[in-house]
Amino acid sequence: MTDFFDRASELETEFREQALARHFQQLQQSGYSHCEDCGDPIPQPRRAALPSCTRCVICQQLAER
């Protein structure tokens, strides 16, 4: 009976890791839609130019100081 639960746990872990990998791959391809610092939307031209950006221009400038 323990083998059944061990296998179920392994499958759950595998599915979760695959789902997280897909999620992060989508984020890398499309970037974030809102700034991680201020929460304002990141303009589409910025996301197109820098798909992995996580901050709006103003917050990025402040972070680089």
PDB file of N, CA and C in Angstrom:
ATOM      1  N   MET A   1       0.818  -1.181   0.000  1.00  0.00           N
ATOM      2  CA  MET A   1       0.000   0.000   0.000  1.00  0.00           C
ATOM      3  C   MET A   1       0.872   1.260   0.000  1.00  0.00           C
ATOM      4  N   THR A   2       1.994   1.200   0.684  1.00  0.00           N
ATOM      5  CA  THR A   2       2.894   2.344   0.751  1.00  0.00           C
ATOM      6  C   THR A   2       3.439   2.686  -0.624  1.00  0.00           C
ATOM      7  N   ASP A   3       3.736   1.668  -1.445  1.00  0.00           N
ATOM      8  CA  ASP A   3       4.242   1.912  -2.789  1.00  0.00           C
ATOM      9  C   ASP A   3       3.254   2.728  -3.611  1.00  0.00           C
ATOM     10  N   PHE A   4       1.970   2.470  -3.450  1.00  0.00           N
ATOM     11  CA  PHE A   4       0.937   3.207  -4.174  1.00  0.00           C
ATOM     12  C   PHE A   4       0.999   4.691  -3.815  1.00  0.00           C
ATOM     13  N   PHE A   5       1.107   4.991  -2.511  1.00  0.00           N
ATOM     14  CA  PHE A   5       1.151   6.377  -2.066  1.00  0.00           C
ATOM     15  C   PHE A   5       2.461   7.050  -2.454  1.00  0.00           C
ATOM     16  N   ASP A   6       3.551   6.300  -2.414  1.00  0.00           N
ATOM     17  CA  ASP A   6       4.836   6.853  -2.838  1.00  0.00           C
ATOM     18  C   ASP A   6       4.791   7.239  -4.307  1.00  0.00           C
ATOM     19  N   ARG A   7       4.232   6.353  -5.123  1.00  0.00           N
ATOM     20  CA  ARG A   7       4.141   6.620  -6.568  1.00  0.00           C
ATOM     21  C   ARG A   7       3.220   7.807  -6.834  1.00  0.00           C
ATOM     22  N   ALA A   8       2.112   7.894  -6.110  1.00  0.00           N
ATOM     23  CA  ALA A   8       1.192   9.020  -6.270  1.00  0.00           C
ATOM     24  C   ALA A   8       1.884  10.324  -5.898  1.00  0.00           C
ATOM     25  N   SER A   9       2.674  10.291  -4.845  1.00  0.00           N
ATOM     26  CA  SER A   9       3.413  11.476  -4.422  1.00  0.00           C
ATOM     27  C   SER A   9       4.452  11.876  -5.469  1.00  0.00           C
ATOM     28  N   GLU A  10       5.138  10.900  -6.031  1.00  0.00           N
ATOM     29  CA  GLU A  10       6.119  11.170  -7.078  1.00  0.00           C
ATOM     30  C   GLU A  10       5.454  11.795  -8.304  1.00  0.00           C
ATOM     31  N   LEU A  11       4.309  11.247  -8.710  1.00  0.00           N
ATOM     32  CA  LEU A  11       3.591  11.788  -9.864  1.00  0.00           C
ATOM     33  C   LEU A  11       3.107  13.212  -9.601  1.00  0.00           C
ATOM     34  N   GLU A  12       2.615  13.448  -8.410  1.00  0.00           N
ATOM     35  CA  GLU A  12       2.159  14.793  -8.059  1.00  0.00           C
ATOM     36  C   GLU A  12       3.314  15.784  -8.146  1.00  0.00           C
ATOM     37  N   THR A  13       4.463  15.420  -7.622  1.00  0.00           N
ATOM     38  CA  THR A  13       5.646  16.279  -7.674  1.00  0.00           C
ATOM     39  C   THR A  13       6.060  16.528  -9.120  1.00  0.00           C
ATOM     40  N   GLU A  14       6.055  15.486  -9.924  1.00  0.00           N
ATOM     41  CA  GLU A  14       6.430  15.617 -11.332  1.00  0.00           C
ATOM     42  C   GLU A  14       5.473  16.542 -12.081  1.00  0.00           C
ATOM     43  N   PHE A  15       4.175  16.366 -11.883  1.00  0.00           N
ATOM     44  CA  PHE A  15       3.185  17.216 -12.546  1.00  0.00           C
ATOM     45  C   PHE A  15       3.322  18.671 -12.105  1.00  0.00           C
ATOM     46  N   ARG A  16       3.559  18.888 -10.817  1.00  0.00           N
ATOM     47  CA  ARG A  16       3.717  20.244 -10.294  1.00  0.00           C
ATOM     48  C   ARG A  16       4.946  20.912 -10.908  1.00  0.00           C
ATOM     49  N   GLU A  17       6.056  20.179 -10.985  1.00  0.00           N
ATOM     50  CA  GLU A  17       7.275  20.729 -11.570  1.00  0.00           C
ATOM     51  C   GLU A  17       7.088  21.058 -13.043  1.00  0.00           C
ATOM     52  N   GLN A  18       6.371  20.218 -13.771  1.00  0.00           N
ATOM     53  CA  GLN A  18       6.092  20.487 -15.181  1.00  0.00           C
ATOM     54  C   GLN A  18       5.215  21.726 -15.336  1.00  0.00           C
ATOM     55  N   ALA A  19       4.210  21.852 -14.486  1.00  0.00           N
ATOM     56  CA  ALA A  19       3.319  23.007 -14.548  1.00  0.00           C
ATOM     57  C   ALA A  19       4.079  24.294 -14.239  1.00  0.00           C
ATOM     58  N   LEU A  20       4.941  24.252 -13.243  1.00  0.00           N
ATOM     59  CA  LEU A  20       5.741  25.431 -12.915  1.00  0.00           C
ATOM     60  C   LEU A  20       6.709  25.780 -14.044  1.00  0.00           C
ATOM     61  N   ALA A  21       7.303  24.781 -14.658  1.00  0.00           N
ATOM     62  CA  ALA A  21       8.217  25.027 -15.771  1.00  0.00           C
ATOM     63  C   ALA A  21       7.482  25.685 -16.934  1.00  0.00           C
ATOM     64  N   ARG A  22       6.269  25.197 -17.243  1.00  0.00           N
ATOM     65  CA  ARG A  22       5.478  25.818 -18.312  1.00  0.00           C
ATOM     66  C   ARG A  22       5.127  27.253 -17.961  1.00  0.00           C
ATOM     67  N   HIS A  23       4.760  27.487 -16.710  1.00  0.00           N
ATOM     68  CA  HIS A  23       4.391  28.828 -16.272  1.00  0.00           C
ATOM     69  C   HIS A  23       5.572  29.786 -16.432  1.00  0.00           C
ATOM     70  N   PHE A  24       6.748  29.394 -15.948  1.00  0.00           N
ATOM     71  CA  PHE A  24       7.899  30.273 -16.033  1.00  0.00           C
ATOM     72  C   PHE A  24       8.372  30.453 -17.469  1.00  0.00           C
ATOM     73  N   GLN A  25       8.198  29.448 -18.303  1.00  0.00           N
ATOM     74  CA  GLN A  25       8.549  29.590 -19.712  1.00  0.00           C
ATOM     75  C   GLN A  25       7.641  30.615 -20.377  1.00  0.00           C
ATOM     76  N   GLN A  26       6.358  30.587 -20.057  1.00  0.00           N
ATOM     77  CA  GLN A  26       5.429  31.572 -20.599  1.00  0.00           C
ATOM     78  C   GLN A  26       5.785  32.971 -20.127  1.00  0.00           C
ATOM     79  N   LEU A  27       6.172  33.110 -18.872  1.00  0.00           N
ATOM     80  CA  LEU A  27       6.572  34.421 -18.355  1.00  0.00           C
ATOM     81  C   LEU A  27       7.802  34.937 -19.075  1.00  0.00           C
ATOM     82  N   GLN A  28       8.758  34.062 -19.348  1.00  0.00           N
ATOM     83  CA  GLN A  28       9.966  34.485 -20.044  1.00  0.00           C
ATOM     84  C   GLN A  28       9.654  34.909 -21.467  1.00  0.00           C
ATOM     85  N   GLN A  29       8.691  34.256 -22.096  1.00  0.00           N
ATOM     86  CA  GLN A  29       8.345  34.586 -23.471  1.00  0.00           C
ATOM     87  C   GLN A  29       7.491  35.839 -23.559  1.00  0.00           C
ATOM     88  N   SER A  30       6.569  35.995 -22.635  1.00  0.00           N
ATOM     89  CA  SER A  30       5.659  37.134 -22.719  1.00  0.00           C
ATOM     90  C   SER A  30       5.964  38.213 -21.703  1.00  0.00           C
ATOM     91  N   GLY A  31       6.789  37.924 -20.724  1.00  0.00           N
ATOM     92  CA  GLY A  31       7.119  38.888 -19.691  1.00  0.00           C
ATOM     93  C   GLY A  31       5.978  39.083 -18.716  1.00  0.00           C
ATOM     94  N   TYR A  32       6.170  39.994 -17.838  1.00  0.00           N
ATOM     95  CA  TYR A  32       5.164  40.305 -16.841  1.00  0.00           C
ATOM     96  C   TYR A  32       4.275  41.416 -17.373  1.00  0.00           C
ATOM     97  N   SER A  33       3.035  41.431 -16.960  1.00  0.00           N
ATOM     98  CA  SER A  33       2.128  42.469 -17.438  1.00  0.00           C
ATOM     99  C   SER A  33       2.114  43.673 -16.507  1.00  0.00           C
ATOM    100  N   HIS A  34       2.550  43.479 -15.237  1.00  0.00           N
ATOM    101  CA  HIS A  34       2.552  44.567 -14.270  1.00  0.00           C
ATOM    102  C   HIS A  34       3.899  44.630 -13.562  1.00  0.00           C
ATOM    103  N   CYS A  35       4.286  45.834 -13.197  1.00  0.00           N
ATOM    104  CA  CYS A  35       5.560  46.077 -12.522  1.00  0.00           C
ATOM    105  C   CYS A  35       5.575  45.378 -11.166  1.00  0.00           C
ATOM    106  N   GLU A  36       6.684  44.714 -10.868  1.00  0.00           N
ATOM    107  CA  GLU A  36       6.792  44.009  -9.600  1.00  0.00           C
ATOM    108  C   GLU A  36       6.966  44.969  -8.423  1.00  0.00           C
ATOM    109  N   ASP A  37       7.372  46.208  -8.683  1.00  0.00           N
ATOM    110  CA  ASP A  37       7.578  47.169  -7.604  1.00  0.00           C
ATOM    111  C   ASP A  37       6.342  48.008  -7.318  1.00  0.00           C
ATOM    112  N   CYS A  38       5.803  48.665  -8.353  1.00  0.00           N
ATOM    113  CA  CYS A  38       4.693  49.588  -8.125  1.00  0.00           C
ATOM    114  C   CYS A  38       3.333  49.011  -8.493  1.00  0.00           C
ATOM    115  N   GLY A  39       3.321  47.940  -9.296  1.00  0.00           N
ATOM    116  CA  GLY A  39       2.062  47.311  -9.677  1.00  0.00           C
ATOM    117  C   GLY A  39       1.380  47.925 -10.880  1.00  0.00           C
ATOM    118  N   ASP A  40       1.953  49.000 -11.435  1.00  0.00           N
ATOM    119  CA  ASP A  40       1.374  49.614 -12.636  1.00  0.00           C
ATOM    120  C   ASP A  40       1.609  48.710 -13.846  1.00  0.00           C
ATOM    121  N   PRO A  41       0.742  48.801 -14.852  1.00  0.00           N
ATOM    122  CA  PRO A  41       0.948  47.999 -16.066  1.00  0.00           C
ATOM    123  C   PRO A  41       2.244  48.380 -16.774  1.00  0.00           C
ATOM    124  N   ILE A  42       2.938  47.390 -17.289  1.00  0.00           N
ATOM    125  CA  ILE A  42       4.135  47.632 -18.092  1.00  0.00           C
ATOM    126  C   ILE A  42       3.658  47.812 -19.533  1.00  0.00           C
ATOM    127  N   PRO A  43       4.007  48.933 -20.176  1.00  0.00           N
ATOM    128  CA  PRO A  43       3.539  49.181 -21.546  1.00  0.00           C
ATOM    129  C   PRO A  43       3.957  48.071 -22.513  1.00  0.00           C
ATOM    130  N   GLN A  44       3.068  47.761 -23.444  1.00  0.00           N
ATOM    131  CA  GLN A  44       3.309  46.690 -24.416  1.00  0.00           C
ATOM    132  C   GLN A  44       4.611  46.894 -25.197  1.00  0.00           C
ATOM    133  N   PRO A  45       4.939  48.113 -25.656  1.00  0.00           N
ATOM    134  CA  PRO A  45       6.212  48.267 -26.382  1.00  0.00           C
ATOM    135  C   PRO A  45       7.432  47.862 -25.539  1.00  0.00           C
ATOM    136  N   ARG A  46       7.385  48.167 -24.241  1.00  0.00           N
ATOM    137  CA  ARG A  46       8.500  47.761 -23.370  1.00  0.00           C
ATOM    138  C   ARG A  46       8.552  46.246 -23.238  1.00  0.00           C
ATOM    139  N   ARG A  47       7.396  45.619 -23.068  1.00  0.00           N
ATOM    140  CA  ARG A  47       7.364  44.149 -22.949  1.00  0.00           C
ATOM    141  C   ARG A  47       7.811  43.492 -24.246  1.00  0.00           C
ATOM    142  N   ALA A  48       7.491  44.125 -25.386  1.00  0.00           N
ATOM    143  CA  ALA A  48       7.918  43.564 -26.670  1.00  0.00           C
ATOM    144  C   ALA A  48       9.436  43.689 -26.844  1.00  0.00           C
ATOM    145  N   ALA A  49       9.991  44.826 -26.395  1.00  0.00           N
ATOM    146  CA  ALA A  49      11.425  45.048 -26.533  1.00  0.00           C
ATOM    147  C   ALA A  49      12.228  44.214 -25.541  1.00  0.00           C
ATOM    148  N   LEU A  50      11.705  44.068 -24.324  1.00  0.00           N
ATOM    149  CA  LEU A  50      12.375  43.305 -23.266  1.00  0.00           C
ATOM    150  C   LEU A  50      11.381  42.302 -22.686  1.00  0.00           C
ATOM    151  N   PRO A  51      11.203  41.147 -23.311  1.00  0.00           N
ATOM    152  CA  PRO A  51      10.179  40.194 -22.880  1.00  0.00           C
ATOM    153  C   PRO A  51      10.286  39.740 -21.429  1.00  0.00           C
ATOM    154  N   SER A  52      11.474  39.778 -20.863  1.00  0.00           N
ATOM    155  CA  SER A  52      11.627  39.296 -19.491  1.00  0.00           C
ATOM    156  C   SER A  52      11.632  40.424 -18.461  1.00  0.00           C
ATOM    157  N   CYS A  53      11.264  41.639 -18.882  1.00  0.00           N
ATOM    158  CA  CYS A  53      11.285  42.758 -17.927  1.00  0.00           C
ATOM    159  C   CYS A  53      10.232  42.537 -16.839  1.00  0.00           C
ATOM    160  N   THR A  54      10.570  42.985 -15.646  1.00  0.00           N
ATOM    161  CA  THR A  54       9.662  42.821 -14.512  1.00  0.00           C
ATOM    162  C   THR A  54       9.283  44.152 -13.886  1.00  0.00           C
ATOM    163  N   ARG A  55       9.874  45.245 -14.397  1.00  0.00           N
ATOM    164  CA  ARG A  55       9.592  46.573 -13.860  1.00  0.00           C
ATOM    165  C   ARG A  55       9.231  47.543 -14.969  1.00  0.00           C
ATOM    166  N   CYS A  56       8.454  48.560 -14.598  1.00  0.00           N
ATOM    167  CA  CYS A  56       8.189  49.647 -15.534  1.00  0.00           C
ATOM    168  C   CYS A  56       9.469  50.469 -15.669  1.00  0.00           C
ATOM    169  N   VAL A  57       9.499  51.393 -16.603  1.00  0.00           N
ATOM    170  CA  VAL A  57      10.724  52.169 -16.870  1.00  0.00           C
ATOM    171  C   VAL A  57      11.148  52.958 -15.636  1.00  0.00           C
ATOM    172  N   ILE A  58      10.203  53.625 -14.990  1.00  0.00           N
ATOM    173  CA  ILE A  58      10.541  54.454 -13.832  1.00  0.00           C
ATOM    174  C   ILE A  58      11.135  53.617 -12.706  1.00  0.00           C
ATOM    175  N   CYS A  59      10.483  52.514 -12.373  1.00  0.00           N
ATOM    176  CA  CYS A  59      10.991  51.649 -11.293  1.00  0.00           C
ATOM    177  C   CYS A  59      12.334  51.034 -11.659  1.00  0.00           C
ATOM    178  N   GLN A  60      12.541  50.711 -12.930  1.00  0.00           N
ATOM    179  CA  GLN A  60      13.828  50.162 -13.358  1.00  0.00           C
ATOM    180  C   GLN A  60      14.917  51.206 -13.205  1.00  0.00           C
ATOM    181  N   GLN A  61      14.614  52.456 -13.558  1.00  0.00           N
ATOM    182  CA  GLN A  61      15.608  53.530 -13.391  1.00  0.00           C
ATOM    183  C   GLN A  61      15.953  53.703 -11.918  1.00  0.00           C
ATOM    184  N   LEU A  62      14.945  53.648 -11.044  1.00  0.00           N
ATOM    185  CA  LEU A  62      15.204  53.775  -9.607  1.00  0.00           C
ATOM    186  C   LEU A  62      16.028  52.610  -9.087  1.00  0.00           C
ATOM    187  N   ALA A  63      15.778  51.414  -9.593  1.00  0.00           N
ATOM    188  CA  ALA A  63      16.509  50.223  -9.154  1.00  0.00           C
ATOM    189  C   ALA A  63      17.979  50.263  -9.591  1.00  0.00           C
ATOM    190  N   GLU A  64      18.241  50.942 -10.698  1.00  0.00           N
ATOM    191  CA  GLU A  64      19.605  50.996 -11.214  1.00  0.00           C
ATOM    192  C   GLU A  64      20.451  52.077 -10.559  1.00  0.00           C
ATOM    193  N   ARG A  65      19.866  52.925  -9.759  1.00  0.00           N
ATOM    194  CA  ARG A  65      20.634  53.984  -9.090  1.00  0.00           C
ATOM    195  C   ARG A  65      21.457  53.447  -7.977  1.00  0.00           C
TER     196      ARG A  65
END
